[in-house]
C-alpha atoms as a PDB file:
ATOM      1  CA  UNK A   1      42.276 -27.924   9.185  1.00  0.00           C
ATOM      2  CA  UNK A   2      40.814 -24.300   8.305  1.00  0.00           C
ATOM      3  CA  UNK A   3      43.415 -22.535   6.129  1.00  0.00           C
ATOM      4  CA  UNK A   4      43.838 -18.706   6.511  1.00  0.00           C
ATOM      5  CA  UNK A   5      44.447 -16.161   3.841  1.00  0.00           C
ATOM      6  CA  UNK A   6      45.670 -12.897   5.611  1.00  0.00           C
ATOM      7  CA  UNK A   7      47.172  -9.738   4.420  1.00  0.00           C
ATOM      8  CA  UNK A   8      49.193  -8.192   7.368  1.00  0.00           C
ATOM      9  CA  UNK A   9      49.887  -4.278   7.590  1.00  0.00           C
ATOM     10  CA  UNK A  10      53.053  -3.482   9.734  1.00  0.00           C
ATOM     11  CA  UNK A  11      53.130  -0.415  11.640  1.00  0.00           C
ATOM     12  CA  UNK A  12      55.409   2.779  10.238  1.00  0.00           C
ATOM     13  CA  UNK A  13      58.001   2.930  12.698  1.00  0.00           C
ATOM     14  CA  UNK A  14      61.165   0.465  10.876  1.00  0.00           C
ATOM     15  CA  UNK A  15      62.667  -1.122  14.190  1.00  0.00           C
ATOM     16  CA  UNK A  16      58.941  -2.466  15.589  1.00  0.00           C
ATOM     17  CA  UNK A  17      57.775  -3.500  11.604  1.00  0.00           C
ATOM     18  CA  UNK A  18      61.433  -5.133  11.451  1.00  0.00           C
ATOM     19  CA  UNK A  19      61.232  -6.773  14.779  1.00  0.00           C
ATOM     20  CA  UNK A  20      57.563  -8.107  14.022  1.00  0.00           C
ATOM     21  CA  UNK A  21      59.288  -9.247  10.219  1.00  0.00           C
ATOM     22  CA  UNK A  22      61.523 -11.813  12.653  1.00  0.00           C
ATOM     23  CA  UNK A  23      58.723 -12.948  14.994  1.00  0.00           C
ATOM     24  CA  UNK A  24      56.419 -14.053  11.893  1.00  0.00           C
ATOM     25  CA  UNK A  25      59.285 -15.701   9.598  1.00  0.00           C
ATOM     26  CA  UNK A  26      59.909 -18.457  12.829  1.00  0.00           C
ATOM     27  CA  UNK A  27      56.043 -19.101  13.176  1.00  0.00           C
ATOM     28  CA  UNK A  28      55.748 -23.226  12.488  1.00  0.00           C
ATOM     29  CA  UNK A  29      51.872 -22.400  11.266  1.00  0.00           C
ATOM     30  CA  UNK A  30      52.298 -19.711   9.090  1.00  0.00           C
ATOM     31  CA  UNK A  31      53.499 -18.920   5.902  1.00  0.00           C
ATOM     32  CA  UNK A  32      54.428 -15.784   4.118  1.00  0.00           C
ATOM     33  CA  UNK A  33      54.642 -14.207   0.872  1.00  0.00           C
ATOM     34  CA  UNK A  34      56.279 -11.998  -0.387  1.00  0.00           C
ATOM     35  CA  UNK A  35      55.368  -8.384  -0.389  1.00  0.00           C
ATOM     36  CA  UNK A  36      55.048  -6.873  -3.619  1.00  0.00           C
ATOM     37  CA  UNK A  37      56.493  -2.644  -4.995  1.00  0.00           C
ATOM     38  CA  UNK A  38      54.537  -0.599  -3.534  1.00  0.00           C
ATOM     39  CA  UNK A  39      52.708  -3.043  -0.695  1.00  0.00           C
ATOM     40  CA  UNK A  40      53.175  -1.118   1.706  1.00  0.00           C
ATOM     41  CA  UNK A  41      53.785  -2.648   4.878  1.00  0.00           C
ATOM     42  CA  UNK A  42      51.202  -5.169   3.856  1.00  0.00           C
ATOM     43  CA  UNK A  43      52.638  -8.550   3.746  1.00  0.00           C
ATOM     44  CA  UNK A  44      50.236 -12.168   2.416  1.00  0.00           C
ATOM     45  CA  UNK A  45      51.085 -15.145   4.884  1.00  0.00           C
ATOM     46  CA  UNK A  46      49.143 -18.216   5.289  1.00  0.00           C
ATOM     47  CA  UNK A  47      47.641 -19.180   8.152  1.00  0.00           C
ATOM     48  CA  UNK A  48      47.030 -23.040   8.783  1.00  0.00           C
ATOM     49  CA  UNK A  49      44.827 -24.148  12.164  1.00  0.00           C
ATOM     50  CA  UNK A  50      43.774 -27.370  13.564  1.00  0.00           C
ATOM     51  CA  UNK A  51      40.858 -25.972  13.974  1.00  0.00           C
ATOM     52  CA  UNK A  52      37.986 -22.740  13.258  1.00  0.00           C
ATOM     53  CA  UNK A  53      38.816 -21.455  17.038  1.00  0.00           C
ATOM     54  CA  UNK A  54      42.305 -21.931  16.917  1.00  0.00           C
ATOM     55  CA  UNK A  55      42.684 -19.907  13.871  1.00  0.00           C
ATOM     56  CA  UNK A  56      41.072 -17.272  15.338  1.00  0.00           C
ATOM     57  CA  UNK A  57      42.904 -17.090  18.690  1.00  0.00           C
ATOM     58  CA  UNK A  58      45.704 -17.345  16.508  1.00  0.00           C
ATOM     59  CA  UNK A  59      45.619 -14.124  14.838  1.00  0.00           C
ATOM     60  CA  UNK A  60      44.503 -12.330  17.743  1.00  0.00           C
ATOM     61  CA  UNK A  61      47.908 -13.844  19.775  1.00  0.00           C
ATOM     62  CA  UNK A  62      49.722 -12.204  15.954  1.00  0.00           C
ATOM     63  CA  UNK A  63      47.346  -8.404  15.881  1.00  0.00           C
ATOM     64  CA  UNK A  64      49.099  -8.434  19.615  1.00  0.00           C
ATOM     65  CA  UNK A  65      52.598  -7.353  18.275  1.00  0.00           C
ATOM     66  CA  UNK A  66      54.187  -3.799  18.395  1.00  0.00           C
ATOM     67  CA  UNK A  67      55.155  -4.140  15.015  1.00  0.00           C
ATOM     68  CA  UNK A  68      51.960  -5.515  13.566  1.00  0.00           C
ATOM     69  CA  UNK A  69      49.308  -2.254  12.910  1.00  0.00           C
ATOM     70  CA  UNK A  70      46.402  -4.959  11.008  1.00  0.00           C
ATOM     71  CA  UNK A  71      45.552  -8.794  10.047  1.00  0.00           C
ATOM     72  CA  UNK A  72      43.416  -8.688   7.094  1.00  0.00           C
ATOM     73  CA  UNK A  73      41.930 -12.546   7.032  1.00  0.00           C
ATOM     74  CA  UNK A  74      40.739 -12.237   3.656  1.00  0.00           C
ATOM     75  CA  UNK A  75      40.291 -16.493   2.620  1.00  0.00           C
ATOM     76  CA  UNK A  76      38.989 -19.488   4.605  1.00  0.00           C
ATOM     77  CA  UNK A  77      39.042 -22.848   3.879  1.00  0.00           C
ATOM     78  CA  UNK A  78      38.512 -25.912   5.521  1.00  0.00           C
ATOM     79  CA  UNK A  79      39.263 -28.984   4.308  1.00  0.00           C
ATOM     80  CA  UNK A  80      35.926 -31.448   3.557  1.00  0.00           C
ATOM     81  CA  UNK A  81      36.549 -33.830   6.666  1.00  0.00           C
ATOM     82  CA  UNK A  82      36.152 -30.364   9.178  1.00  0.00           C
ATOM     83  CA  UNK A  83      33.522 -29.280  10.939  1.00  0.00           C
ATOM     84  CA  UNK A  84      32.486 -25.785   9.797  1.00  0.00           C
ATOM     85  CA  UNK A  85      31.791 -23.765  12.567  1.00  0.00           C
ATOM     86  CA  UNK A  86      28.382 -23.444  13.347  1.00  0.00           C
ATOM     87  CA  UNK A  87      27.028 -19.292  12.076  1.00  0.00           C
ATOM     88  CA  UNK A  88      24.180 -17.802  14.053  1.00  0.00           C
ATOM     89  CA  UNK A  89      22.493 -16.430  11.028  1.00  0.00           C
ATOM     90  CA  UNK A  90      21.312 -19.763  10.141  1.00  0.00           C
ATOM     91  CA  UNK A  91      19.440 -20.279  12.979  1.00  0.00           C
ATOM     92  CA  UNK A  92      15.650 -20.427  12.252  1.00  0.00           C
ATOM     93  CA  UNK A  93      13.862 -16.805  13.507  1.00  0.00           C
ATOM     94  CA  UNK A  94      11.612 -16.795  16.336  1.00  0.00           C
ATOM     95  CA  UNK A  95       7.691 -15.880  15.032  1.00  0.00           C
ATOM     96  CA  UNK A  96       7.681 -11.633  15.728  1.00  0.00           C
ATOM     97  CA  UNK A  97       4.269 -10.933  17.566  1.00  0.00           C
ATOM     98  CA  UNK A  98       1.149  -9.593  15.287  1.00  0.00           C
ATOM     99  CA  UNK A  99       3.510 -12.239  12.658  1.00  0.00           C
ATOM    100  CA  UNK A 100       0.586 -15.438  12.503  1.00  0.00           C
ATOM    101  CA  UNK A 101      -0.178 -17.155   9.243  1.00  0.00           C
END
């Protein structure tokens, strides 16, 4: 079960930001932290998801809210029993023309 550390940046419009906070507060898979003094509308949060793909789709869903300006994913942790998604950069490189051993 992936755990994601997020920093949620709210829009400057106070009404839209307040609506986003109300929406975020009732999300069962999201734990909100307290904004630090001088955080400029940034709020720490933890997202608990069943799969990495679900985490990605949840971040996209949350970003679609009018009161949310941007979400930074600053940490993703996996339980030892979880399958880690494939990394396309781990694939073996193809031989290029002219590169003969």
